[in-house]
Amino acid sequence: MAKGMGRRPKVDLDSGVEDVTLSILEWLGEQGVDAMIRVDAERMRDGQPAWTFAASGGPLDGGMRVDGASVAECMGRALLRLREAGLAVPL
């Protein structure tokens, strides 16, 4: 898929990524990347994507933020973006 087409890649919500989220965060820290995942109760009440992954530093050029309606969606999107940025996160 060409970049800039306005399409989002599909995220596999059944991959089990939520089960390894802490391991991913730990691996990112070992690479010099500051990273976190959080949930926003107000956005959850409003029916908006409540989960946020944010990362910066290390080999990343600038920071990144990814939102999702669930941990799986958020982390799936985050892994796609991290890989696009050149970080091959092992799973």
N, C-alpha and C. Protein backbone atom coordinates (compact mmCIF):
# COMPACT_ATOMS: atom_id res chain seq x y z
N MET A 1 0.85 -1.17 0.00
CA MET A 1 0.00 0.00 0.00
C MET A 1 0.89 1.24 0.00
N ALA A 2 0.59 2.16 -0.85
CA ALA A 2 1.37 3.38 -0.93
C ALA A 2 1.09 4.29 0.25
N LYS A 3 2.13 4.96 0.71
CA LYS A 3 1.95 5.91 1.81
C LYS A 3 1.16 7.11 1.31
N GLY A 4 0.42 7.71 2.24
CA GLY A 4 -0.32 8.91 1.91
C GLY A 4 -1.65 8.65 1.22
N MET A 5 -2.07 7.39 1.13
CA MET A 5 -3.32 7.07 0.46
C MET A 5 -4.52 7.26 1.39
N GLY A 6 -4.28 7.57 2.67
CA GLY A 6 -5.38 7.78 3.59
C GLY A 6 -5.99 6.50 4.12
N ARG A 7 -5.39 5.37 3.82
CA ARG A 7 -5.90 4.09 4.31
C ARG A 7 -5.06 3.64 5.49
N ARG A 8 -5.73 3.01 6.43
CA ARG A 8 -5.03 2.48 7.61
C ARG A 8 -4.84 0.98 7.43
N PRO A 9 -3.64 0.48 7.76
CA PRO A 9 -3.47 -0.97 7.66
C PRO A 9 -4.34 -1.68 8.68
N LYS A 10 -4.73 -2.89 8.36
CA LYS A 10 -5.56 -3.69 9.26
C LYS A 10 -4.74 -4.13 10.46
N VAL A 11 -5.35 -4.10 11.62
CA VAL A 11 -4.73 -4.54 12.86
C VAL A 11 -5.37 -5.86 13.25
N ASP A 12 -4.55 -6.85 13.57
CA ASP A 12 -5.05 -8.16 13.98
C ASP A 12 -5.42 -8.09 15.46
N LEU A 13 -6.71 -7.98 15.75
CA LEU A 13 -7.17 -7.84 17.14
C LEU A 13 -7.11 -9.15 17.90
N ASP A 14 -6.85 -10.25 17.22
CA ASP A 14 -6.78 -11.55 17.87
C ASP A 14 -5.34 -12.05 18.01
N SER A 15 -4.37 -11.15 17.88
CA SER A 15 -2.97 -11.57 17.90
C SER A 15 -2.45 -11.86 19.29
N GLY A 16 -3.16 -11.40 20.34
CA GLY A 16 -2.68 -11.60 21.70
C GLY A 16 -1.65 -10.57 22.13
N VAL A 17 -1.54 -9.48 21.37
CA VAL A 17 -0.53 -8.47 21.68
C VAL A 17 -0.71 -7.88 23.07
N GLU A 18 -1.96 -7.83 23.56
CA GLU A 18 -2.17 -7.27 24.89
C GLU A 18 -1.49 -8.11 25.96
N ASP A 19 -1.27 -9.40 25.67
CA ASP A 19 -0.61 -10.28 26.64
C ASP A 19 0.89 -10.01 26.75
N VAL A 20 1.47 -9.39 25.74
CA VAL A 20 2.92 -9.13 25.76
C VAL A 20 3.25 -7.65 25.82
N THR A 21 2.26 -6.83 26.12
CA THR A 21 2.47 -5.37 26.13
C THR A 21 3.59 -4.96 27.09
N LEU A 22 3.61 -5.51 28.29
CA LEU A 22 4.67 -5.13 29.24
C LEU A 22 6.04 -5.55 28.74
N SER A 23 6.13 -6.70 28.10
CA SER A 23 7.40 -7.14 27.53
C SER A 23 7.85 -6.20 26.40
N ILE A 24 6.90 -5.74 25.60
CA ILE A 24 7.21 -4.79 24.53
C ILE A 24 7.74 -3.49 25.12
N LEU A 25 7.06 -2.98 26.16
CA LEU A 25 7.51 -1.74 26.80
C LEU A 25 8.92 -1.91 27.38
N GLU A 26 9.17 -3.05 27.99
CA GLU A 26 10.50 -3.30 28.56
C GLU A 26 11.56 -3.35 27.45
N TRP A 27 11.25 -4.03 26.34
CA TRP A 27 12.20 -4.10 25.23
C TRP A 27 12.48 -2.71 24.67
N LEU A 28 11.42 -1.90 24.52
CA LEU A 28 11.61 -0.53 24.02
C LEU A 28 12.53 0.26 24.95
N GLY A 29 12.33 0.12 26.26
CA GLY A 29 13.20 0.80 27.21
C GLY A 29 14.65 0.38 27.05
N GLU A 30 14.88 -0.90 26.80
CA GLU A 30 16.25 -1.39 26.58
C GLU A 30 16.87 -0.80 25.32
N GLN A 31 16.04 -0.37 24.37
CA GLN A 31 16.52 0.25 23.14
C GLN A 31 16.69 1.76 23.29
N GLY A 32 16.41 2.28 24.49
CA GLY A 32 16.53 3.72 24.72
C GLY A 32 15.28 4.50 24.39
N VAL A 33 14.17 3.81 24.18
CA VAL A 33 12.90 4.45 23.84
C VAL A 33 12.07 4.62 25.11
N ASP A 34 11.63 5.84 25.36
CA ASP A 34 10.67 6.10 26.44
C ASP A 34 9.29 5.76 25.90
N ALA A 35 8.54 4.90 26.61
CA ALA A 35 7.25 4.47 26.09
C ALA A 35 6.27 4.26 27.24
N MET A 36 4.99 4.44 26.91
CA MET A 36 3.94 4.21 27.90
C MET A 36 2.64 3.86 27.19
N ILE A 37 1.76 3.22 27.96
CA ILE A 37 0.39 2.99 27.51
C ILE A 37 -0.51 3.46 28.64
N ARG A 38 -1.62 4.09 28.28
CA ARG A 38 -2.53 4.60 29.30
C ARG A 38 -3.97 4.48 28.83
N VAL A 39 -4.87 4.56 29.80
CA VAL A 39 -6.29 4.56 29.49
C VAL A 39 -6.88 5.86 30.04
N ASP A 40 -7.78 6.47 29.28
CA ASP A 40 -8.41 7.72 29.66
C ASP A 40 -9.89 7.44 29.94
N ALA A 41 -10.26 7.48 31.21
CA ALA A 41 -11.63 7.15 31.62
C ALA A 41 -12.66 8.09 31.00
N GLU A 42 -12.33 9.36 30.85
CA GLU A 42 -13.28 10.30 30.28
C GLU A 42 -13.57 9.96 28.81
N ARG A 43 -12.51 9.66 28.06
CA ARG A 43 -12.73 9.27 26.66
C ARG A 43 -13.52 7.96 26.58
N MET A 44 -13.28 7.05 27.52
CA MET A 44 -14.01 5.80 27.55
C MET A 44 -15.50 6.06 27.77
N ARG A 45 -15.83 6.93 28.73
CA ARG A 45 -17.24 7.29 29.00
C ARG A 45 -17.89 7.93 27.78
N ASP A 46 -17.09 8.71 27.02
CA ASP A 46 -17.62 9.41 25.85
C ASP A 46 -17.66 8.53 24.60
N GLY A 47 -17.26 7.26 24.73
CA GLY A 47 -17.27 6.35 23.60
C GLY A 47 -16.17 6.59 22.59
N GLN A 48 -15.12 7.27 22.99
CA GLN A 48 -13.97 7.53 22.12
C GLN A 48 -12.86 6.53 22.41
N PRO A 49 -11.91 6.36 21.47
CA PRO A 49 -10.79 5.46 21.74
C PRO A 49 -10.05 5.89 23.00
N ALA A 50 -10.08 5.05 24.01
CA ALA A 50 -9.59 5.43 25.33
C ALA A 50 -8.15 5.04 25.61
N TRP A 51 -7.57 4.15 24.80
CA TRP A 51 -6.21 3.68 25.04
C TRP A 51 -5.23 4.47 24.19
N THR A 52 -4.10 4.86 24.80
CA THR A 52 -3.07 5.62 24.10
C THR A 52 -1.71 4.99 24.35
N PHE A 53 -0.94 4.82 23.28
CA PHE A 53 0.46 4.42 23.37
C PHE A 53 1.27 5.62 22.91
N ALA A 54 2.30 5.97 23.66
CA ALA A 54 3.18 7.07 23.27
C ALA A 54 4.62 6.62 23.43
N ALA A 55 5.48 7.05 22.51
CA ALA A 55 6.89 6.69 22.57
C ALA A 55 7.73 7.81 21.97
N SER A 56 8.97 7.94 22.47
CA SER A 56 9.91 8.92 21.93
C SER A 56 11.32 8.52 22.36
N GLY A 57 12.28 9.14 21.71
CA GLY A 57 13.67 8.92 22.07
C GLY A 57 14.30 7.72 21.40
N GLY A 58 15.53 7.46 21.77
CA GLY A 58 16.26 6.35 21.19
C GLY A 58 16.35 6.49 19.68
N PRO A 59 16.12 5.41 18.96
CA PRO A 59 16.23 5.46 17.51
C PRO A 59 15.03 6.09 16.79
N LEU A 60 14.01 6.50 17.53
CA LEU A 60 12.85 7.14 16.90
C LEU A 60 13.17 8.58 16.55
N ASP A 61 12.79 8.98 15.34
CA ASP A 61 12.90 10.39 14.94
C ASP A 61 11.65 11.10 15.42
N GLY A 62 11.74 11.82 16.52
CA GLY A 62 10.58 12.48 17.09
C GLY A 62 9.73 11.49 17.87
N GLY A 63 8.60 11.95 18.33
CA GLY A 63 7.72 11.11 19.11
C GLY A 63 6.60 10.53 18.27
N MET A 64 5.90 9.58 18.87
CA MET A 64 4.74 9.02 18.20
C MET A 64 3.64 8.76 19.21
N ARG A 65 2.41 8.85 18.75
CA ARG A 65 1.24 8.57 19.59
C ARG A 65 0.25 7.78 18.75
N VAL A 66 -0.33 6.76 19.38
CA VAL A 66 -1.32 5.92 18.72
C VAL A 66 -2.47 5.71 19.69
N ASP A 67 -3.70 5.84 19.20
CA ASP A 67 -4.89 5.62 20.02
C ASP A 67 -5.65 4.41 19.52
N GLY A 68 -6.39 3.77 20.42
CA GLY A 68 -7.21 2.63 20.05
C GLY A 68 -8.35 2.43 21.03
N ALA A 69 -9.37 1.71 20.59
CA ALA A 69 -10.53 1.46 21.43
C ALA A 69 -10.28 0.36 22.46
N SER A 70 -9.23 -0.44 22.25
CA SER A 70 -8.87 -1.51 23.18
C SER A 70 -7.35 -1.57 23.26
N VAL A 71 -6.85 -2.30 24.25
CA VAL A 71 -5.40 -2.48 24.35
C VAL A 71 -4.88 -3.16 23.09
N ALA A 72 -5.59 -4.18 22.62
CA ALA A 72 -5.15 -4.91 21.43
C ALA A 72 -5.08 -4.00 20.21
N GLU A 73 -6.11 -3.18 20.00
CA GLU A 73 -6.11 -2.27 18.86
C GLU A 73 -4.99 -1.25 18.98
N CYS A 74 -4.85 -0.67 20.15
CA CYS A 74 -3.83 0.36 20.37
C CYS A 74 -2.43 -0.20 20.15
N MET A 75 -2.14 -1.33 20.76
CA MET A 75 -0.80 -1.91 20.63
C MET A 75 -0.56 -2.48 19.24
N GLY A 76 -1.59 -3.00 18.60
CA GLY A 76 -1.43 -3.46 17.22
C GLY A 76 -1.04 -2.31 16.30
N ARG A 77 -1.72 -1.18 16.45
CA ARG A 77 -1.38 0.01 15.66
C ARG A 77 0.01 0.52 16.02
N ALA A 78 0.36 0.48 17.31
CA ALA A 78 1.67 0.93 17.75
C ALA A 78 2.78 0.08 17.13
N LEU A 79 2.59 -1.23 17.11
CA LEU A 79 3.60 -2.11 16.52
C LEU A 79 3.78 -1.81 15.03
N LEU A 80 2.69 -1.57 14.32
CA LEU A 80 2.79 -1.20 12.91
C LEU A 80 3.61 0.07 12.74
N ARG A 81 3.31 1.08 13.54
CA ARG A 81 4.03 2.36 13.45
C ARG A 81 5.50 2.21 13.84
N LEU A 82 5.78 1.43 14.89
CA LEU A 82 7.16 1.21 15.30
C LEU A 82 7.94 0.52 14.19
N ARG A 83 7.33 -0.46 13.56
CA ARG A 83 8.01 -1.17 12.46
C ARG A 83 8.24 -0.25 11.27
N GLU A 84 7.27 0.63 10.98
CA GLU A 84 7.44 1.62 9.92
C GLU A 84 8.60 2.55 10.23
N ALA A 85 8.84 2.80 11.54
CA ALA A 85 9.93 3.68 11.97
C ALA A 85 11.27 2.94 12.04
N GLY A 86 11.27 1.65 11.71
CA GLY A 86 12.53 0.90 11.68
C GLY A 86 12.85 0.10 12.92
N LEU A 87 11.92 0.03 13.88
CA LEU A 87 12.14 -0.76 15.08
C LEU A 87 11.43 -2.10 14.93
N ALA A 88 12.18 -3.16 14.75
CA ALA A 88 11.62 -4.50 14.60
C ALA A 88 11.39 -5.10 15.99
N VAL A 89 10.25 -4.81 16.56
CA VAL A 89 9.91 -5.26 17.90
C VAL A 89 9.71 -6.78 17.87
N PRO A 90 10.49 -7.52 18.66
CA PRO A 90 10.31 -8.97 18.66
C PRO A 90 9.07 -9.37 19.48
N LEU A 91 8.36 -10.34 19.00
CA LEU A 91 7.19 -10.85 19.71
C LEU A 91 7.35 -12.33 19.95
